[in-house]
C-alpha cells in the first residue's frame, strides 16, 4: 500500500521545479570552440565520452583537446549512457546511490530514498539479490539514485535542474522565468539533495519570454506554488 504515496512524492518533487511544456524546443547545441550552430552545411557532433562537449568538426575538437583531455580520459563511468535527458540537456555530475535519510511531504525516507520502514529490506535486497551491483539495481529502482549536479532523483529524466551550475542552460520553470528557487522548494530536505551545495538560480542563460509565460501559466494551472 506504500507504493502510491511514494509515487506521488516522486512526481510532486519533480513538478516543484518544472511543468511539462509540449511546445518547448531545447536550445540548439553549438561548437564549444567557435560557437557555430548546426545548419545545412554543418553538423554539430558530441564527444562520445564527455557528453556536454560539442564540436563542429575535427579542427575545433583538436584545438580544444588540451583543455578537454583531463576530463575526457577520466570520464568513463557506467552511468554515462544515462546522462542525456528528454529535453536534450545532459547531467554533468555523478549518479550516486542514496544511502542516507531525508524527508518528503511529511514522510521520513531512508536508504535508497525509500520509506523508513522499508529501508532495511531494500538494502538487504541490494546486497543479496543484486550482489551490490549498482548498475542492475539502478535498472530496477532508479529512484534510489541521485544526480550530484542538480540533486534530482534519477527516476526523473526530463532535464537537469542545476539552476546555473551546469554546462548548458537550466531548463527548469524558475530559470526560464528568470526567478530564484523559492524557499519552500530550496529548503526541502530531500534525500537527493543532502550534502550538495546547489545554487538557487536563476541561470542567466535560461530566460526566454515565451517559455517564461508558458511556465508561469502551467504552474498556476497545477497550483504548484500554493
Protein backbone atom coordinates (compact mmCIF):
# COMPACT_ATOMS: atom_id res chain seq x y z
CA UNK A 1 0.00 0.00 0.00
CA UNK A 2 3.00 2.29 0.30
CA UNK A 3 3.72 2.44 -3.43
CA UNK A 4 1.02 5.01 -4.15
CA UNK A 5 2.21 7.79 -1.80
CA UNK A 6 5.79 7.06 -2.77
CA UNK A 7 4.92 7.65 -6.44
CA UNK A 8 3.04 10.83 -5.56
CA UNK A 9 6.05 12.06 -3.59
CA UNK A 10 8.38 11.40 -6.53
CA UNK A 11 6.12 13.19 -9.01
CA UNK A 12 5.48 16.21 -6.78
CA UNK A 13 9.23 16.51 -6.15
CA UNK A 14 9.91 17.00 -9.83
CA UNK A 15 6.88 19.18 -10.55
CA UNK A 16 8.07 21.65 -7.89
CA UNK A 17 10.63 22.96 -10.37
CA UNK A 18 9.06 22.31 -13.78
CA UNK A 19 5.85 21.62 -15.65
CA UNK A 20 5.74 19.72 -18.91
CA UNK A 21 5.76 22.13 -21.85
CA UNK A 22 4.90 20.32 -25.11
CA UNK A 23 5.98 23.37 -27.13
CA UNK A 24 9.44 23.59 -25.60
CA UNK A 25 12.32 23.14 -28.01
CA UNK A 26 15.78 22.52 -26.49
CA UNK A 27 18.39 25.14 -27.41
CA UNK A 28 20.43 24.13 -30.42
CA UNK A 29 23.87 22.79 -29.46
CA UNK A 30 26.80 24.88 -30.59
CA UNK A 31 30.51 24.28 -31.01
CA UNK A 32 32.37 24.81 -27.74
CA UNK A 33 35.25 26.46 -29.65
CA UNK A 34 33.77 28.69 -32.38
CA UNK A 35 30.11 28.77 -31.23
CA UNK A 36 28.84 27.71 -34.66
CA UNK A 37 25.40 26.07 -34.66
CA UNK A 38 24.08 23.33 -36.90
CA UNK A 39 22.78 24.16 -40.39
CA UNK A 40 22.57 22.52 -43.80
CA UNK A 41 26.34 22.55 -44.17
CA UNK A 42 27.44 21.93 -40.60
CA UNK A 43 26.60 19.02 -38.32
CA UNK A 44 27.31 19.52 -34.62
CA UNK A 45 28.84 16.42 -33.03
CA UNK A 46 29.03 15.43 -29.37
CA UNK A 47 32.08 13.91 -27.67
CA UNK A 48 31.19 10.24 -27.18
CA UNK A 49 32.56 10.18 -23.63
CA UNK A 50 32.23 13.76 -22.33
CA UNK A 51 28.65 14.27 -23.45
CA UNK A 52 28.33 18.02 -22.87
CA UNK A 53 31.20 18.90 -25.25
CA UNK A 54 30.06 19.82 -28.77
CA UNK A 55 32.15 20.44 -31.90
CA UNK A 56 31.51 21.49 -35.49
CA UNK A 57 34.36 19.34 -36.76
CA UNK A 58 37.78 17.83 -36.12
CA UNK A 59 39.77 21.12 -36.28
CA UNK A 60 37.81 22.58 -33.36
CA UNK A 61 37.84 19.30 -31.47
CA UNK A 62 41.62 19.04 -31.83
CA UNK A 63 42.17 22.65 -30.77
CA UNK A 64 40.13 22.03 -27.62
CA UNK A 65 41.84 18.75 -26.74
CA UNK A 66 44.38 20.26 -24.34
CA UNK A 67 41.62 21.74 -22.17
CA UNK A 68 39.31 18.79 -22.66
CA UNK A 69 41.72 15.85 -22.29
CA UNK A 70 41.94 15.73 -18.49
CA UNK A 71 38.19 15.37 -18.09
CA UNK A 72 37.66 13.11 -21.08
CA UNK A 73 40.20 10.42 -20.23
CA UNK A 74 38.90 10.16 -16.67
CA UNK A 75 35.23 10.17 -17.55
CA UNK A 76 34.36 6.54 -18.16
CA UNK A 77 31.52 5.64 -15.81
CA UNK A 78 28.74 3.08 -16.07
CA UNK A 79 26.15 5.85 -15.86
CA UNK A 80 27.47 7.87 -18.83
CA UNK A 81 24.73 6.36 -21.00
CA UNK A 82 22.09 7.79 -18.66
CA UNK A 83 23.31 11.40 -18.77
CA UNK A 84 21.13 12.63 -21.61
CA UNK A 85 17.72 13.99 -20.61
CA UNK A 86 14.48 14.05 -22.56
CA UNK A 87 14.74 17.81 -23.14
CA UNK A 88 18.16 17.48 -24.79
CA UNK A 89 20.27 18.60 -21.82
CA UNK A 90 22.78 16.34 -20.07
CA UNK A 91 23.78 15.67 -16.46
CA UNK A 92 27.38 16.72 -15.77
CA UNK A 93 27.64 15.12 -12.33
CA UNK A 94 27.77 11.62 -10.93
CA UNK A 95 24.96 9.16 -10.33
CA UNK A 96 25.03 8.16 -6.65
CA UNK A 97 23.15 5.53 -4.68
CA UNK A 98 21.29 7.27 -1.83
CA UNK A 99 22.37 5.63 1.43
CA UNK A 100 21.24 8.38 3.83
CA UNK A 101 17.94 9.72 5.08
CA UNK A 102 15.70 12.69 4.37
CA UNK A 103 12.06 13.61 4.16
CA UNK A 104 9.36 14.49 1.67
CA UNK A 105 5.81 15.77 2.21
CA UNK A 106 5.84 14.64 5.83
CA UNK A 107 7.25 11.19 5.06
CA UNK A 108 10.56 10.11 6.59
CA UNK A 109 12.76 8.50 3.97
CA UNK A 110 15.79 6.28 4.48
CA UNK A 111 18.21 4.11 2.50
CA UNK A 112 17.53 4.23 -1.23
CA UNK A 113 15.08 7.14 -0.74
CA UNK A 114 12.50 4.59 0.39
CA UNK A 115 10.11 4.89 3.31
CA UNK A 116 11.86 4.47 6.63
CA UNK A 117 10.09 1.18 7.36
CA UNK A 118 11.15 -0.28 4.01
CA UNK A 119 14.80 0.81 4.05
CA UNK A 120 16.30 -2.27 5.72
CA UNK A 121 14.50 -4.61 3.35
CA UNK A 122 15.56 -2.62 0.30
CA UNK A 123 19.19 -2.53 1.41
CA UNK A 124 19.12 -6.29 2.02
CA UNK A 125 17.71 -6.79 -1.48
CA UNK A 126 20.55 -4.71 -2.94
CA UNK A 127 23.18 -6.72 -1.07
CA UNK A 128 21.75 -10.22 -1.53
CA UNK A 129 19.64 -10.24 -4.68
CA UNK A 130 21.72 -7.73 -6.66
CA UNK A 131 25.07 -8.61 -5.02
CA UNK A 132 25.87 -4.91 -4.65
CA UNK A 133 25.72 -4.34 -8.42
CA UNK A 134 24.71 -0.67 -8.73
CA UNK A 135 24.03 -0.88 -12.48
CA UNK A 136 21.50 -3.65 -12.10
CA UNK A 137 19.98 -2.01 -9.05
CA UNK A 138 19.62 1.28 -10.94
CA UNK A 139 17.73 -0.52 -13.69
CA UNK A 140 15.43 -1.99 -11.04
CA UNK A 141 14.98 1.12 -8.85
CA UNK A 142 16.28 4.39 -10.40
CA UNK A 143 14.61 6.49 -7.69
CA UNK A 144 17.20 5.12 -5.24
CA UNK A 145 19.85 7.23 -7.03
CA UNK A 146 20.52 10.96 -7.41
CA UNK A 147 22.49 13.17 -9.77
CA UNK A 148 25.10 15.23 -7.92
CA UNK A 149 24.97 18.07 -10.45
CA UNK A 150 21.41 19.03 -9.59
CA UNK A 151 20.18 16.94 -6.66
CA UNK A 152 17.49 15.40 -8.84
CA UNK A 153 16.23 11.84 -8.47
CA UNK A 154 17.45 9.56 -11.26
CA UNK A 155 13.85 8.45 -11.81
CA UNK A 156 13.03 11.85 -13.28
CA UNK A 157 14.86 12.29 -16.58
CA UNK A 158 13.16 15.26 -18.22
CA UNK A 159 16.04 17.65 -17.53
CA UNK A 160 18.93 18.66 -15.28
CA UNK A 161 17.67 21.32 -12.84
CA UNK A 162 21.08 22.73 -11.91
CA UNK A 163 19.94 26.40 -11.78
CA UNK A 164 23.14 27.76 -13.29
CA UNK A 165 25.90 25.35 -12.31
CA UNK A 166 25.77 23.19 -15.45
CA UNK A 167 27.46 23.44 -18.83
CA UNK A 168 24.14 24.04 -20.61
CA UNK A 169 21.31 26.46 -19.72
CA UNK A 170 18.99 25.18 -16.99
CA UNK A 171 15.51 24.38 -18.33
CA UNK A 172 13.55 24.40 -15.07
CA UNK A 173 10.50 26.65 -14.75
CA UNK A 174 12.11 29.16 -12.42
CA UNK A 175 15.22 29.71 -14.52
CA UNK A 176 13.07 30.11 -17.63
CA UNK A 177 11.06 32.74 -15.75
CA UNK A 178 14.22 34.47 -14.51
CA UNK A 179 13.40 33.72 -10.87
CA UNK A 180 15.38 32.21 -8.00
CA UNK A 181 14.17 28.99 -6.40
CA UNK A 182 11.65 29.91 -3.65
CA UNK A 183 12.38 28.99 -0.04
CA UNK A 184 9.73 26.27 0.18
CA UNK A 185 11.38 24.39 -2.69
CA UNK A 186 15.02 25.18 -1.93
CA UNK A 187 14.76 24.25 1.76
CA UNK A 188 13.14 20.86 1.23
CA UNK A 189 15.12 18.10 2.95
CA UNK A 190 15.02 15.67 0.06
CA UNK A 191 17.47 12.75 0.21
CA UNK A 192 18.55 13.56 -3.34
CA UNK A 193 19.85 16.97 -2.22
CA UNK A 194 21.61 16.05 1.02
CA UNK A 195 25.22 17.27 1.17
CA UNK A 196 25.11 19.17 -2.12
CA UNK A 197 25.82 22.89 -2.44
CA UNK A 198 23.19 23.74 -5.04
CA UNK A 199 22.66 27.27 -6.41
CA UNK A 200 19.26 28.96 -6.25
CA UNK A 201 19.45 30.49 -9.70
CA UNK A 202 18.27 31.89 -11.88
CA UNK A 203 20.57 30.73 -14.64
CA UNK A 204 21.15 33.93 -16.69
CA UNK A 205 21.30 31.85 -19.89
CA UNK A 206 17.82 30.39 -19.46
CA UNK A 207 15.30 33.24 -19.58
CA UNK A 208 13.02 33.37 -22.62
CA UNK A 209 9.77 35.41 -22.71
CA UNK A 210 7.57 32.75 -24.31
CA UNK A 211 8.95 29.91 -22.18
CA UNK A 212 8.50 32.10 -19.09
CA UNK A 213 4.86 32.73 -19.97
CA UNK A 214 4.16 29.03 -20.56
CA UNK A 215 5.91 28.00 -17.34
CA UNK A 216 4.01 30.59 -15.28
CA UNK A 217 0.68 29.52 -16.80
CA UNK A 218 1.42 25.83 -16.21
CA UNK A 219 2.41 26.35 -12.60
CA UNK A 220 -0.75 28.37 -11.96
CA UNK A 221 -2.94 25.72 -13.59
CA UNK A 222 -1.41 22.96 -11.44
CA UNK A 223 -1.31 25.21 -8.35
CA UNK A 224 2.33 24.32 -7.82
CA UNK A 225 3.20 27.50 -5.96
CA UNK A 226 0.36 27.39 -3.44
